[in-house]
Amino acid sequence: MRDVDVPTTRISRALARMFLRPRRRDQALAERYGPRFGMAVVRGRSMTPTLQDGDRLLIHYGSVPRPGAVAVVRFSDGVVAVKRLDHLAAEGWWVARDNLFEGRDSWSAGAIAPSDVLALVVVRLWPRPGHLPPPPCSVRR
């Protein structure tokens, strides 16, 4: 991911201090197991109205997936995307898009292996900092 100039606000600075401040214990864990937090940039319109193209997200690697959570997943063809976890079936996680007219999901690409749920979204950092809203009514159930 390339460096970008992101305007900071009081909330995003507070979130960055809260989640990204390195601690000795966290640094030791990161050196041993890799980073636990990261940032993802949304590309495309498959998650509108919840997420817009260009949104910056704080993600947490190793979180326990749960239905309804927004996650970073890897499809079987290697494409990495931000999707909403729908339900866990015998073949893996079924993921949904919030925009039924754009993008792809498990109904078009199949289930996602549990090991391919890479991270869960914690908060949106920019441009509208805060927690994500619940899924819209238009999401298939």
N, C-alpha and C. Protein backbone atom coordinates (compact mmCIF):
# COMPACT_ATOMS: atom_id res chain seq x y z
N MET A 1 0.85 -1.17 0.00
CA MET A 1 0.00 0.00 0.00
C MET A 1 0.90 1.23 0.00
N ARG A 2 0.57 2.19 -0.81
CA ARG A 2 1.38 3.41 -0.89
C ARG A 2 0.96 4.39 0.21
N ASP A 3 1.90 5.27 0.56
CA ASP A 3 1.60 6.29 1.56
C ASP A 3 0.67 7.33 0.97
N VAL A 4 -0.31 7.75 1.75
CA VAL A 4 -1.22 8.79 1.31
C VAL A 4 -1.31 9.84 2.40
N ASP A 5 -1.57 11.07 2.00
CA ASP A 5 -1.79 12.14 2.96
C ASP A 5 -3.27 12.12 3.32
N VAL A 6 -3.54 11.77 4.58
CA VAL A 6 -4.91 11.69 5.05
C VAL A 6 -5.13 12.82 6.04
N PRO A 7 -6.11 13.68 5.80
CA PRO A 7 -6.37 14.75 6.76
C PRO A 7 -6.72 14.15 8.13
N THR A 8 -6.16 14.71 9.18
CA THR A 8 -6.45 14.19 10.50
C THR A 8 -7.51 15.03 11.19
N THR A 9 -8.30 14.39 11.97
CA THR A 9 -9.28 15.07 12.80
C THR A 9 -9.03 14.67 14.24
N ARG A 10 -9.71 15.32 15.13
CA ARG A 10 -9.55 15.01 16.55
C ARG A 10 -9.89 13.54 16.80
N ILE A 11 -10.95 13.04 16.18
CA ILE A 11 -11.37 11.65 16.40
C ILE A 11 -10.36 10.68 15.81
N SER A 12 -9.90 10.92 14.58
CA SER A 12 -8.96 9.98 13.98
C SER A 12 -7.62 9.98 14.72
N ARG A 13 -7.19 11.14 15.25
CA ARG A 13 -5.96 11.16 16.05
C ARG A 13 -6.17 10.37 17.33
N ALA A 14 -7.33 10.50 17.95
CA ALA A 14 -7.61 9.76 19.18
C ALA A 14 -7.66 8.26 18.91
N LEU A 15 -8.29 7.87 17.80
CA LEU A 15 -8.34 6.45 17.43
C LEU A 15 -6.95 5.91 17.15
N ALA A 16 -6.14 6.69 16.46
CA ALA A 16 -4.78 6.26 16.16
C ALA A 16 -3.98 6.08 17.45
N ARG A 17 -4.13 7.02 18.40
CA ARG A 17 -3.43 6.88 19.68
C ARG A 17 -3.91 5.65 20.42
N MET A 18 -5.22 5.41 20.40
CA MET A 18 -5.80 4.31 21.15
C MET A 18 -5.40 2.96 20.57
N PHE A 19 -5.42 2.82 19.24
CA PHE A 19 -5.19 1.53 18.62
C PHE A 19 -3.79 1.31 18.09
N LEU A 20 -3.08 2.37 17.75
CA LEU A 20 -1.81 2.20 17.07
C LEU A 20 -0.59 2.56 17.92
N ARG A 21 -0.79 3.00 19.17
CA ARG A 21 0.34 3.35 20.02
C ARG A 21 1.12 2.07 20.35
N PRO A 22 2.39 2.01 19.98
CA PRO A 22 3.15 0.79 20.27
C PRO A 22 3.45 0.66 21.76
N ARG A 23 3.33 -0.52 22.26
CA ARG A 23 3.70 -0.85 23.63
C ARG A 23 4.75 -1.94 23.56
N ARG A 24 5.57 -2.05 24.60
CA ARG A 24 6.64 -3.06 24.56
C ARG A 24 6.10 -4.46 24.32
N ARG A 25 5.03 -4.81 25.04
CA ARG A 25 4.45 -6.15 24.89
C ARG A 25 3.92 -6.33 23.47
N ASP A 26 3.23 -5.30 22.93
CA ASP A 26 2.70 -5.38 21.58
C ASP A 26 3.82 -5.45 20.55
N GLN A 27 4.91 -4.72 20.79
CA GLN A 27 6.03 -4.78 19.86
C GLN A 27 6.64 -6.17 19.84
N ALA A 28 6.75 -6.79 21.02
CA ALA A 28 7.29 -8.15 21.09
C ALA A 28 6.37 -9.13 20.36
N LEU A 29 5.05 -8.98 20.56
CA LEU A 29 4.10 -9.85 19.85
C LEU A 29 4.17 -9.62 18.35
N ALA A 30 4.28 -8.37 17.93
CA ALA A 30 4.35 -8.07 16.51
C ALA A 30 5.62 -8.65 15.88
N GLU A 31 6.73 -8.59 16.61
CA GLU A 31 7.96 -9.17 16.09
C GLU A 31 7.84 -10.68 15.96
N ARG A 32 7.13 -11.29 16.90
CA ARG A 32 7.01 -12.76 16.88
C ARG A 32 5.92 -13.24 15.93
N TYR A 33 4.76 -12.57 15.92
CA TYR A 33 3.61 -13.06 15.17
C TYR A 33 3.20 -12.17 14.00
N GLY A 34 3.84 -11.04 13.82
CA GLY A 34 3.44 -10.10 12.78
C GLY A 34 2.48 -9.07 13.34
N PRO A 35 2.11 -8.08 12.53
CA PRO A 35 1.26 -7.00 13.03
C PRO A 35 -0.15 -7.49 13.34
N ARG A 36 -0.75 -6.94 14.39
CA ARG A 36 -2.11 -7.32 14.76
C ARG A 36 -3.12 -6.34 14.17
N PHE A 37 -2.71 -5.09 13.97
CA PHE A 37 -3.57 -4.08 13.39
C PHE A 37 -2.98 -3.62 12.07
N GLY A 38 -3.83 -3.19 11.19
CA GLY A 38 -3.39 -2.67 9.91
C GLY A 38 -4.44 -1.72 9.36
N MET A 39 -4.21 -1.28 8.13
CA MET A 39 -5.15 -0.39 7.49
C MET A 39 -5.50 -0.95 6.12
N ALA A 40 -6.77 -0.85 5.75
CA ALA A 40 -7.23 -1.27 4.43
C ALA A 40 -7.91 -0.09 3.76
N VAL A 41 -7.80 -0.04 2.45
CA VAL A 41 -8.45 1.00 1.66
C VAL A 41 -9.53 0.33 0.82
N VAL A 42 -10.75 0.85 0.89
CA VAL A 42 -11.88 0.29 0.14
C VAL A 42 -11.75 0.70 -1.32
N ARG A 43 -11.91 -0.27 -2.21
CA ARG A 43 -11.92 -0.01 -3.65
C ARG A 43 -13.21 -0.61 -4.21
N GLY A 44 -13.95 0.18 -4.96
CA GLY A 44 -15.19 -0.30 -5.56
C GLY A 44 -16.41 0.12 -4.77
N ARG A 45 -17.58 -0.28 -5.29
CA ARG A 45 -18.84 0.15 -4.69
C ARG A 45 -19.68 -1.00 -4.15
N SER A 46 -19.10 -2.16 -3.95
CA SER A 46 -19.90 -3.31 -3.53
C SER A 46 -20.41 -3.20 -2.09
N MET A 47 -19.81 -2.34 -1.28
CA MET A 47 -20.23 -2.22 0.12
C MET A 47 -20.98 -0.92 0.42
N THR A 48 -21.38 -0.17 -0.62
CA THR A 48 -22.18 1.02 -0.37
C THR A 48 -23.57 0.57 0.07
N PRO A 49 -24.22 1.24 0.96
CA PRO A 49 -23.95 2.54 1.54
C PRO A 49 -23.06 2.52 2.79
N THR A 50 -22.71 1.32 3.28
CA THR A 50 -21.90 1.24 4.50
C THR A 50 -20.52 1.83 4.30
N LEU A 51 -19.86 1.45 3.20
CA LEU A 51 -18.51 1.92 2.90
C LEU A 51 -18.49 2.52 1.50
N GLN A 52 -17.67 3.53 1.32
CA GLN A 52 -17.53 4.18 0.02
C GLN A 52 -16.13 3.91 -0.52
N ASP A 53 -15.98 4.02 -1.83
CA ASP A 53 -14.68 3.88 -2.47
C ASP A 53 -13.72 4.91 -1.86
N GLY A 54 -12.57 4.44 -1.40
CA GLY A 54 -11.57 5.34 -0.80
C GLY A 54 -11.58 5.40 0.71
N ASP A 55 -12.58 4.81 1.37
CA ASP A 55 -12.60 4.80 2.84
C ASP A 55 -11.37 4.07 3.37
N ARG A 56 -10.80 4.60 4.46
CA ARG A 56 -9.68 3.95 5.14
C ARG A 56 -10.21 3.27 6.38
N LEU A 57 -9.84 1.99 6.56
CA LEU A 57 -10.37 1.19 7.66
C LEU A 57 -9.24 0.69 8.54
N LEU A 58 -9.47 0.72 9.86
CA LEU A 58 -8.56 0.08 10.80
C LEU A 58 -9.01 -1.37 10.91
N ILE A 59 -8.10 -2.32 10.64
CA ILE A 59 -8.47 -3.73 10.68
C ILE A 59 -7.64 -4.44 11.74
N HIS A 60 -8.19 -5.54 12.26
CA HIS A 60 -7.53 -6.33 13.30
C HIS A 60 -7.38 -7.75 12.80
N TYR A 61 -6.12 -8.17 12.66
CA TYR A 61 -5.83 -9.54 12.24
C TYR A 61 -6.03 -10.49 13.41
N GLY A 62 -6.53 -11.68 13.14
CA GLY A 62 -6.67 -12.69 14.18
C GLY A 62 -7.93 -12.57 15.02
N SER A 63 -8.82 -11.65 14.70
CA SER A 63 -10.09 -11.54 15.43
C SER A 63 -10.97 -12.74 15.11
N VAL A 64 -11.83 -13.08 16.03
CA VAL A 64 -12.76 -14.18 15.83
C VAL A 64 -13.91 -13.70 14.95
N PRO A 65 -14.10 -14.32 13.78
CA PRO A 65 -15.19 -13.88 12.88
C PRO A 65 -16.56 -14.14 13.51
N ARG A 66 -17.51 -13.26 13.20
CA ARG A 66 -18.88 -13.42 13.69
C ARG A 66 -19.84 -12.92 12.60
N PRO A 67 -21.00 -13.53 12.51
CA PRO A 67 -21.96 -13.08 11.49
C PRO A 67 -22.30 -11.60 11.64
N GLY A 68 -22.38 -10.90 10.53
CA GLY A 68 -22.71 -9.48 10.53
C GLY A 68 -21.50 -8.57 10.56
N ALA A 69 -20.32 -9.11 10.89
CA ALA A 69 -19.11 -8.30 10.95
C ALA A 69 -18.61 -8.01 9.53
N VAL A 70 -17.95 -6.87 9.37
CA VAL A 70 -17.32 -6.53 8.10
C VAL A 70 -15.88 -7.01 8.20
N ALA A 71 -15.44 -7.75 7.17
CA ALA A 71 -14.13 -8.41 7.22
C ALA A 71 -13.37 -8.23 5.92
N VAL A 72 -12.07 -8.42 6.02
CA VAL A 72 -11.22 -8.50 4.84
C VAL A 72 -11.06 -9.99 4.55
N VAL A 73 -11.48 -10.42 3.36
CA VAL A 73 -11.47 -11.83 3.00
C VAL A 73 -10.70 -12.05 1.70
N ARG A 74 -10.26 -13.30 1.51
CA ARG A 74 -9.59 -13.68 0.26
C ARG A 74 -10.47 -14.71 -0.45
N PHE A 75 -10.91 -14.38 -1.67
CA PHE A 75 -11.68 -15.32 -2.47
C PHE A 75 -10.76 -16.42 -2.99
N SER A 76 -11.34 -17.52 -3.47
CA SER A 76 -10.55 -18.68 -3.92
C SER A 76 -9.63 -18.34 -5.09
N ASP A 77 -9.96 -17.30 -5.87
CA ASP A 77 -9.08 -16.91 -6.98
C ASP A 77 -7.99 -15.92 -6.56
N GLY A 78 -7.88 -15.63 -5.26
CA GLY A 78 -6.82 -14.77 -4.74
C GLY A 78 -7.20 -13.31 -4.55
N VAL A 79 -8.37 -12.90 -4.99
CA VAL A 79 -8.81 -11.52 -4.84
C VAL A 79 -9.11 -11.24 -3.36
N VAL A 80 -8.55 -10.15 -2.84
CA VAL A 80 -8.78 -9.74 -1.46
C VAL A 80 -9.81 -8.62 -1.49
N ALA A 81 -10.85 -8.73 -0.64
CA ALA A 81 -11.94 -7.76 -0.66
C ALA A 81 -12.49 -7.54 0.74
N VAL A 82 -13.20 -6.43 0.90
CA VAL A 82 -13.90 -6.12 2.15
C VAL A 82 -15.36 -6.54 1.94
N LYS A 83 -15.85 -7.45 2.78
CA LYS A 83 -17.21 -7.98 2.66
C LYS A 83 -17.81 -8.17 4.05
N ARG A 84 -19.13 -8.36 4.08
CA ARG A 84 -19.83 -8.62 5.33
C ARG A 84 -19.98 -10.13 5.51
N LEU A 85 -19.61 -10.65 6.69
CA LEU A 85 -19.78 -12.08 6.96
C LEU A 85 -21.25 -12.36 7.18
N ASP A 86 -21.78 -13.33 6.45
CA ASP A 86 -23.20 -13.64 6.54
C ASP A 86 -23.45 -14.78 7.52
N HIS A 87 -22.94 -15.96 7.21
CA HIS A 87 -23.11 -17.10 8.12
C HIS A 87 -22.01 -18.12 7.84
N LEU A 88 -21.77 -18.98 8.83
CA LEU A 88 -20.78 -20.03 8.71
C LEU A 88 -21.49 -21.32 8.34
N ALA A 89 -21.13 -21.90 7.22
CA ALA A 89 -21.71 -23.16 6.76
C ALA A 89 -20.61 -24.23 6.81
N ALA A 90 -20.98 -25.45 6.46
CA ALA A 90 -20.02 -26.56 6.48
C ALA A 90 -18.83 -26.29 5.56
N GLU A 91 -19.06 -25.62 4.42
CA GLU A 91 -17.99 -25.37 3.46
C GLU A 91 -17.20 -24.10 3.74
N GLY A 92 -17.62 -23.28 4.71
CA GLY A 92 -16.90 -22.06 5.06
C GLY A 92 -17.83 -20.88 5.28
N TRP A 93 -17.27 -19.68 5.34
CA TRP A 93 -18.04 -18.46 5.56
C TRP A 93 -18.71 -18.01 4.27
N TRP A 94 -19.97 -17.67 4.35
CA TRP A 94 -20.67 -17.03 3.25
C TRP A 94 -20.59 -15.54 3.50
N VAL A 95 -20.15 -14.81 2.49
CA VAL A 95 -20.00 -13.37 2.62
C VAL A 95 -20.99 -12.67 1.69
N ALA A 96 -21.40 -11.48 2.11
CA ALA A 96 -22.38 -10.71 1.34
C ALA A 96 -21.82 -9.32 1.06
N ARG A 97 -22.35 -8.72 0.03
CA ARG A 97 -22.05 -7.32 -0.28
C ARG A 97 -23.26 -6.51 0.15
N ASP A 98 -23.06 -5.27 0.54
CA ASP A 98 -24.18 -4.43 0.95
C ASP A 98 -24.91 -3.83 -0.24
N ASN A 99 -24.25 -3.74 -1.38
CA ASN A 99 -24.85 -3.21 -2.60
C ASN A 99 -25.16 -4.40 -3.51
N LEU A 100 -26.43 -4.72 -3.68
CA LEU A 100 -26.81 -5.89 -4.45
C LEU A 100 -26.56 -5.75 -5.94
N PHE A 101 -26.26 -4.55 -6.42
CA PHE A 101 -26.10 -4.32 -7.85
C PHE A 101 -24.64 -4.24 -8.29
N GLU A 102 -23.69 -4.30 -7.37
CA GLU A 102 -22.27 -4.17 -7.70
C GLU A 102 -21.48 -5.25 -6.96
N GLY A 103 -20.38 -5.68 -7.55
CA GLY A 103 -19.44 -6.55 -6.87
C GLY A 103 -19.81 -8.01 -6.89
N ARG A 104 -19.14 -8.76 -6.02
CA ARG A 104 -19.37 -10.20 -5.93
C ARG A 104 -19.44 -10.61 -4.48
N ASP A 105 -20.01 -11.78 -4.25
CA ASP A 105 -20.14 -12.33 -2.91
C ASP A 105 -20.16 -13.85 -3.01
N SER A 106 -20.52 -14.53 -1.94
CA SER A 106 -20.51 -15.99 -1.95
C SER A 106 -21.55 -16.59 -2.87
N TRP A 107 -22.60 -15.85 -3.17
CA TRP A 107 -23.62 -16.38 -4.07
C TRP A 107 -23.08 -16.45 -5.50
N SER A 108 -22.03 -15.69 -5.80
CA SER A 108 -21.44 -15.76 -7.14
C SER A 108 -20.07 -16.44 -7.13
N ALA A 109 -19.39 -16.48 -5.99
CA ALA A 109 -18.02 -17.01 -5.95
C ALA A 109 -17.83 -18.17 -4.99
N GLY A 110 -18.86 -18.55 -4.23
CA GLY A 110 -18.73 -19.65 -3.29
C GLY A 110 -18.29 -19.20 -1.90
N ALA A 111 -18.24 -20.17 -1.02
CA ALA A 111 -17.90 -19.91 0.38
C ALA A 111 -16.42 -19.57 0.53
N ILE A 112 -16.10 -18.87 1.59
CA ILE A 112 -14.73 -18.46 1.92
C ILE A 112 -14.23 -19.39 3.02
N ALA A 113 -13.07 -20.00 2.82
CA ALA A 113 -12.49 -20.87 3.85
C ALA A 113 -12.23 -20.05 5.11
N PRO A 114 -12.42 -20.63 6.29
CA PRO A 114 -12.18 -19.87 7.53
C PRO A 114 -10.78 -19.25 7.60
N SER A 115 -9.79 -19.91 7.03
CA SER A 115 -8.44 -19.35 7.05
C SER A 115 -8.30 -18.15 6.11
N ASP A 116 -9.27 -17.96 5.20
CA ASP A 116 -9.23 -16.83 4.27
C ASP A 116 -10.00 -15.62 4.77
N VAL A 117 -10.53 -15.68 5.99
CA VAL A 117 -11.05 -14.47 6.64
C VAL A 117 -9.83 -13.86 7.32
N LEU A 118 -9.25 -12.86 6.68
CA LEU A 118 -7.94 -12.35 7.09
C LEU A 118 -7.99 -11.42 8.30
N ALA A 119 -9.00 -10.56 8.36
CA ALA A 119 -9.07 -9.57 9.44
C ALA A 119 -10.50 -9.04 9.54
N LEU A 120 -10.83 -8.48 10.69
CA LEU A 120 -12.12 -7.82 10.88
C LEU A 120 -11.91 -6.32 10.94
N VAL A 121 -12.89 -5.59 10.44
CA VAL A 121 -12.82 -4.13 10.47
C VAL A 121 -13.19 -3.65 11.88
N VAL A 122 -12.35 -2.80 12.45
CA VAL A 122 -12.58 -2.24 13.78
C VAL A 122 -13.39 -0.95 13.65
N VAL A 123 -12.87 0.00 12.91
CA VAL A 123 -13.52 1.30 12.70
C VAL A 123 -13.12 1.85 11.33
N ARG A 124 -13.90 2.81 10.86
CA ARG A 124 -13.51 3.59 9.68
C ARG A 124 -12.68 4.75 10.21
N LEU A 125 -11.48 4.95 9.64
CA LEU A 125 -10.59 6.02 10.08
C LEU A 125 -10.83 7.32 9.32
N TRP A 126 -11.13 7.20 8.04
CA TRP A 126 -11.25 8.38 7.20
C TRP A 126 -12.14 8.07 6.02
N PRO A 127 -12.98 8.91 5.51
CA PRO A 127 -13.16 10.33 5.82
C PRO A 127 -14.22 10.59 6.89
N ARG A 128 -15.00 9.59 7.28
CA ARG A 128 -16.02 9.76 8.32
C ARG A 128 -15.68 8.83 9.48
N PRO A 129 -14.79 9.23 10.40
CA PRO A 129 -14.34 8.33 11.45
C PRO A 129 -15.49 7.81 12.30
N GLY A 130 -15.39 6.55 12.67
CA GLY A 130 -16.37 5.98 13.57
C GLY A 130 -16.66 4.52 13.26
N HIS A 131 -17.51 3.94 14.10
CA HIS A 131 -17.91 2.55 13.91
C HIS A 131 -18.84 2.43 12.71
N LEU A 132 -18.87 1.26 12.12
CA LEU A 132 -19.71 1.03 10.94
C LEU A 132 -21.15 0.77 11.36
N PRO A 133 -22.09 1.22 10.55
CA PRO A 133 -23.50 0.96 10.86
C PRO A 133 -23.85 -0.51 10.60
N PRO A 134 -24.99 -0.96 11.12
CA PRO A 134 -25.42 -2.34 10.85
C PRO A 134 -25.74 -2.51 9.37
N PRO A 135 -25.89 -3.75 8.92
CA PRO A 135 -26.17 -3.97 7.50
C PRO A 135 -27.49 -3.34 7.07
N PRO A 136 -27.54 -2.86 5.83
CA PRO A 136 -28.80 -2.31 5.34
C PRO A 136 -29.83 -3.42 5.15
N CYS A 137 -31.08 -3.04 5.08
CA CYS A 137 -32.16 -4.02 4.93
C CYS A 137 -32.08 -4.79 3.63
N SER A 138 -31.39 -4.25 2.63
CA SER A 138 -31.35 -4.87 1.31
C SER A 138 -30.40 -6.06 1.22
N VAL A 139 -29.61 -6.32 2.29
CA VAL A 139 -28.69 -7.45 2.24
C VAL A 139 -29.47 -8.75 2.30
N ARG A 140 -29.09 -9.70 1.44
CA ARG A 140 -29.78 -11.00 1.41
C ARG A 140 -29.58 -11.74 2.70
N ARG A 141 -30.59 -12.37 3.18
CA ARG A 141 -30.48 -13.22 4.38
C ARG A 141 -31.07 -14.56 4.09
